[in-house]
Amino acid sequence: MIDRNVVRSSEDDIPELDLSDEDILDAMGHIPGYLDISTMDFRTIYHLAHTHAVERLFRKARAGSLMRTGITPLLPDMRLDEAARSLVKQGVKSLPVGNGDVRVVGMLTETDFLRCLKADSFLELMLRLVEGGGDFMQRCHERPVREAMTAPAVTVTTNAGFRQIVRAFHAHEGRSMPVVDPEGRLQGLLLRKDFVKAYHLEDVL
C-alpha cells in the first residue's frame, strides 16, 4: 500500500521563476550599453542558464546522501521517559517511531512531548517541574509513545531530490524527517539543518 505522506522524487526538481516582461526590461535597463535582444531571447538565455545551474548544483542532491544513518527508532509501546532518554542519547530533537519490521508509523518530537505534558513551552514545563512535577513524571512513566507521537509521519524516499525534500519540510514544522525505502522501511534521518547547511539554503527553508 502506497503511503500518501511519502514524498517521492521526480525529474522536475527545481521550478523556474516566472519572469514578466517588466522584470526582464528592468534587468536589461541596469546593463550599460545597447542590448540587441528581445524579452523572448532573454527568457531563452535564462532558461538555459537555469537548467545548467540546476544540473551543476542540485542534480546529485538526494535524501540518501544527506541523511544520518545508524538511527535507532522508537517503539510504539515504549514509555515517554524511555523515549526522551533515546532522543538525548542520539542527539536529536525528534525520532521516527517504527513497528516490528522498522516501517515508520509516526514521529515523536519535542513538540509532541510538550503537548502530551500540557505545556506551551519548555520554560513553562521547567517552572511546573520546579513547583512540583509529580504529575508530569507520572505521565511520562505511564504513557506510551503511540499516544503522543504525530502520525502518519511525513517521509521522503532515499532518491528524493531537492524539490521533494523542500516540499516535505514545508509540509511539517519538525526539524527532521525519516528517510525510507519504497516499502516504507527506515533508512535514516534527514535533519533540516544538515540539508540547509549542505546547500546554503538559509533563505529557502
Protein backbone atom coordinates (compact mmCIF):
# COMPACT_ATOMS: atom_id res chain seq x y z
CA MET A 1 0.00 0.00 0.00
CA ILE A 2 1.43 3.38 -1.01
CA ASP A 3 1.71 5.95 1.77
CA ARG A 4 0.50 9.30 0.50
CA ASN A 5 2.67 11.02 3.12
CA VAL A 6 5.84 9.77 1.43
CA VAL A 7 7.19 12.46 -0.89
CA ARG A 8 8.88 10.78 -3.83
CA SER A 9 11.28 12.18 -6.39
CA SER A 10 10.70 13.27 -9.96
CA GLU A 11 12.86 14.65 -12.74
CA ASP A 12 11.43 18.16 -12.32
CA ASP A 13 13.43 19.04 -9.23
CA ILE A 14 13.66 22.83 -9.40
CA PRO A 15 10.89 25.07 -10.78
CA GLU A 16 11.92 28.14 -12.74
CA LEU A 17 10.83 31.60 -11.62
CA ASP A 18 8.17 33.13 -13.84
CA LEU A 19 9.76 36.28 -15.29
CA SER A 20 7.46 39.03 -16.54
CA ASP A 21 8.39 41.42 -19.35
CA GLU A 22 8.68 44.12 -16.69
CA ASP A 23 11.21 42.02 -14.76
CA ILE A 24 13.27 41.47 -17.89
CA LEU A 25 13.19 45.08 -19.10
CA ASP A 26 14.16 46.31 -15.64
CA ALA A 27 17.14 43.93 -15.56
CA MET A 28 18.23 44.92 -19.06
CA GLY A 29 18.00 48.58 -18.09
CA HIS A 30 20.72 48.05 -15.48
CA ILE A 31 23.20 46.81 -18.09
CA PRO A 32 25.30 49.61 -19.68
CA GLY A 33 25.13 49.96 -23.45
CA TYR A 34 22.65 48.74 -26.02
CA LEU A 35 21.33 45.16 -25.89
CA ASP A 36 20.04 43.86 -29.20
CA ILE A 37 17.88 41.09 -27.71
CA SER A 38 14.18 40.72 -27.15
CA THR A 39 12.43 39.67 -23.95
CA MET A 40 11.93 36.27 -25.59
CA ASP A 41 15.70 35.99 -26.19
CA PHE A 42 16.26 36.90 -22.56
CA ARG A 43 13.86 34.16 -21.44
CA THR A 44 15.68 31.62 -23.60
CA ILE A 45 19.04 32.59 -22.07
CA TYR A 46 17.53 32.43 -18.58
CA HIS A 47 16.04 29.00 -19.23
CA LEU A 48 19.35 27.60 -20.47
CA ALA A 49 21.30 29.16 -17.60
CA HIS A 50 18.77 27.86 -15.07
CA THR A 51 18.91 24.34 -16.49
CA HIS A 52 22.71 24.36 -16.37
CA ALA A 53 22.79 25.72 -12.80
CA VAL A 54 20.32 23.12 -11.57
CA GLU A 55 22.33 20.35 -13.19
CA ARG A 56 25.53 21.65 -11.63
CA LEU A 57 24.29 22.47 -8.14
CA PHE A 58 21.44 20.14 -7.28
CA ARG A 59 21.35 17.14 -9.58
CA LYS A 60 23.19 14.99 -7.06
CA ALA A 61 21.17 16.23 -4.08
CA ARG A 62 19.40 13.14 -2.84
CA ALA A 63 17.98 12.42 0.58
CA GLY A 64 20.00 9.21 0.80
CA SER A 65 23.29 11.10 0.54
CA LEU A 66 22.31 13.75 3.10
CA MET A 67 20.63 11.64 5.78
CA ARG A 68 22.11 10.50 9.07
CA THR A 69 22.37 6.74 9.39
CA GLY A 70 22.55 4.47 12.42
CA ILE A 71 19.34 5.93 13.84
CA THR A 72 17.56 3.75 16.40
CA PRO A 73 13.80 4.29 16.06
CA LEU A 74 11.39 4.40 18.95
CA LEU A 75 8.86 1.63 19.53
CA PRO A 76 5.14 2.43 19.78
CA ASP A 77 4.81 0.80 23.21
CA MET A 78 7.91 2.47 24.68
CA ARG A 79 7.24 4.79 27.64
CA LEU A 80 7.79 8.50 27.10
CA ASP A 81 10.58 8.72 29.67
CA GLU A 82 12.47 5.98 27.79
CA ALA A 83 11.83 7.79 24.53
CA ALA A 84 13.22 11.03 25.97
CA ARG A 85 16.41 9.23 27.00
CA SER A 86 16.76 7.85 23.48
CA LEU A 87 16.43 11.32 21.92
CA VAL A 88 19.07 12.71 24.27
CA LYS A 89 21.42 9.77 23.67
CA GLN A 90 21.15 10.09 19.89
CA GLY A 91 21.50 13.88 19.98
CA VAL A 92 18.32 14.74 18.07
CA LYS A 93 15.12 16.67 18.73
CA SER A 94 12.81 14.03 17.26
CA LEU A 95 12.86 10.38 16.25
CA PRO A 96 10.81 8.14 13.97
CA VAL A 97 8.58 5.51 15.51
CA GLY A 98 8.76 2.09 13.88
CA ASN A 99 6.87 -1.16 14.15
CA GLY A 100 8.37 -4.64 14.25
CA ASP A 101 9.81 -4.58 10.72
CA VAL A 102 11.06 -0.98 11.15
CA ARG A 103 8.38 0.56 8.94
CA VAL A 104 7.81 4.13 10.02
CA VAL A 105 4.41 4.61 11.65
CA GLY A 106 4.91 8.02 13.25
CA MET A 107 7.28 10.68 14.54
CA LEU A 108 7.87 11.78 18.13
CA THR A 109 9.10 15.36 18.55
CA GLU A 110 9.81 17.75 21.39
CA THR A 111 6.54 19.48 20.49
CA ASP A 112 4.71 16.18 21.00
CA PHE A 113 6.23 15.93 24.48
CA LEU A 114 5.04 19.44 25.34
CA ARG A 115 1.56 18.73 24.01
CA CYS A 116 1.38 15.50 25.99
CA LEU A 117 2.53 17.23 29.17
CA LYS A 118 0.13 20.13 28.57
CA ALA A 119 2.83 22.82 28.45
CA ASP A 120 3.15 25.58 25.85
CA SER A 121 6.94 25.89 26.13
CA PHE A 122 9.92 24.30 27.82
CA LEU A 123 10.20 27.30 30.14
CA GLU A 124 6.65 26.64 31.34
CA LEU A 125 7.48 22.96 31.74
CA MET A 126 10.57 23.78 33.82
CA LEU A 127 8.59 26.08 36.09
CA ARG A 128 5.96 23.42 36.69
CA LEU A 129 8.64 20.85 37.46
CA VAL A 130 10.29 23.21 39.94
CA GLU A 131 6.94 23.83 41.61
CA GLY A 132 6.24 20.12 41.87
CA GLY A 133 6.35 17.80 38.92
CA GLY A 134 4.88 14.60 40.27
CA ASP A 135 2.01 14.69 37.77
CA PHE A 136 4.46 15.18 34.88
CA MET A 137 6.61 12.26 36.00
CA GLN A 138 3.58 10.00 36.20
CA ARG A 139 2.50 10.91 32.66
CA CYS A 140 5.95 10.08 31.31
CA HIS A 141 6.12 6.76 33.15
CA GLU A 142 2.65 5.59 32.20
CA ARG A 143 2.03 6.98 28.71
CA PRO A 144 3.34 5.09 25.65
CA VAL A 145 4.89 6.72 22.60
CA ARG A 146 1.95 5.72 20.37
CA GLU A 147 -0.35 8.06 22.32
CA ALA A 148 1.92 11.10 21.95
CA MET A 149 3.50 10.70 18.50
CA THR A 150 2.47 12.51 15.34
CA ALA A 151 1.07 10.07 12.80
CA PRO A 152 1.41 9.47 9.99
CA ALA A 153 4.91 10.89 9.63
CA VAL A 154 5.95 12.93 6.59
CA THR A 155 8.78 10.98 4.98
CA VAL A 156 10.91 11.03 1.85
CA THR A 157 12.47 8.18 -0.06
CA THR A 158 16.23 7.82 -0.38
CA ASN A 159 16.20 9.04 -4.01
CA ALA A 160 14.07 12.13 -3.30
CA GLY A 161 15.52 15.20 -5.00
CA PHE A 162 15.87 18.82 -3.99
CA ARG A 163 12.31 19.91 -4.75
CA GLN A 164 10.75 16.93 -2.97
CA ILE A 165 12.89 17.50 0.13
CA VAL A 166 11.96 21.19 0.29
CA ARG A 167 8.27 20.40 -0.22
CA ALA A 168 8.37 17.75 2.50
CA PHE A 169 9.99 20.11 5.01
CA HIS A 170 7.35 22.72 4.19
CA ALA A 171 4.66 20.11 4.91
CA HIS A 172 5.52 19.96 8.61
CA GLU A 173 7.16 22.11 11.26
CA GLY A 174 9.60 19.49 12.50
CA ARG A 175 13.37 19.75 12.37
CA SER A 176 13.86 16.34 10.81
CA MET A 177 12.08 13.61 8.92
CA PRO A 178 12.58 9.91 8.26
CA VAL A 179 14.11 8.69 5.02
CA VAL A 180 12.59 5.40 3.89
CA ASP A 181 12.88 2.82 1.14
CA PRO A 182 9.98 2.21 -1.30
CA GLU A 183 8.38 -0.16 1.23
CA GLY A 184 8.45 2.43 3.99
CA ARG A 185 11.32 0.88 5.96
CA LEU A 186 13.55 3.31 7.82
CA GLN A 187 16.90 4.07 6.20
CA GLY A 188 17.98 7.20 8.05
CA LEU A 189 17.01 10.62 9.37
CA LEU A 190 17.30 13.85 7.39
CA LEU A 191 17.81 16.90 9.58
CA ARG A 192 16.64 20.27 8.30
CA LYS A 193 19.86 21.93 9.46
CA ASP A 194 22.03 19.39 7.59
CA PHE A 195 20.10 19.97 4.37
CA VAL A 196 20.24 23.76 4.75
CA LYS A 197 23.95 23.75 5.60
CA ALA A 198 24.89 21.43 2.74
CA TYR A 199 23.38 23.72 0.10
CA HIS A 200 23.50 27.12 1.83
CA LEU A 201 19.70 27.39 1.80
CA GLU A 202 19.13 29.57 4.84
CA ASP A 203 16.68 31.76 2.88
CA VAL A 204 14.75 28.82 1.37
CA LEU A 205 13.70 26.86 4.47
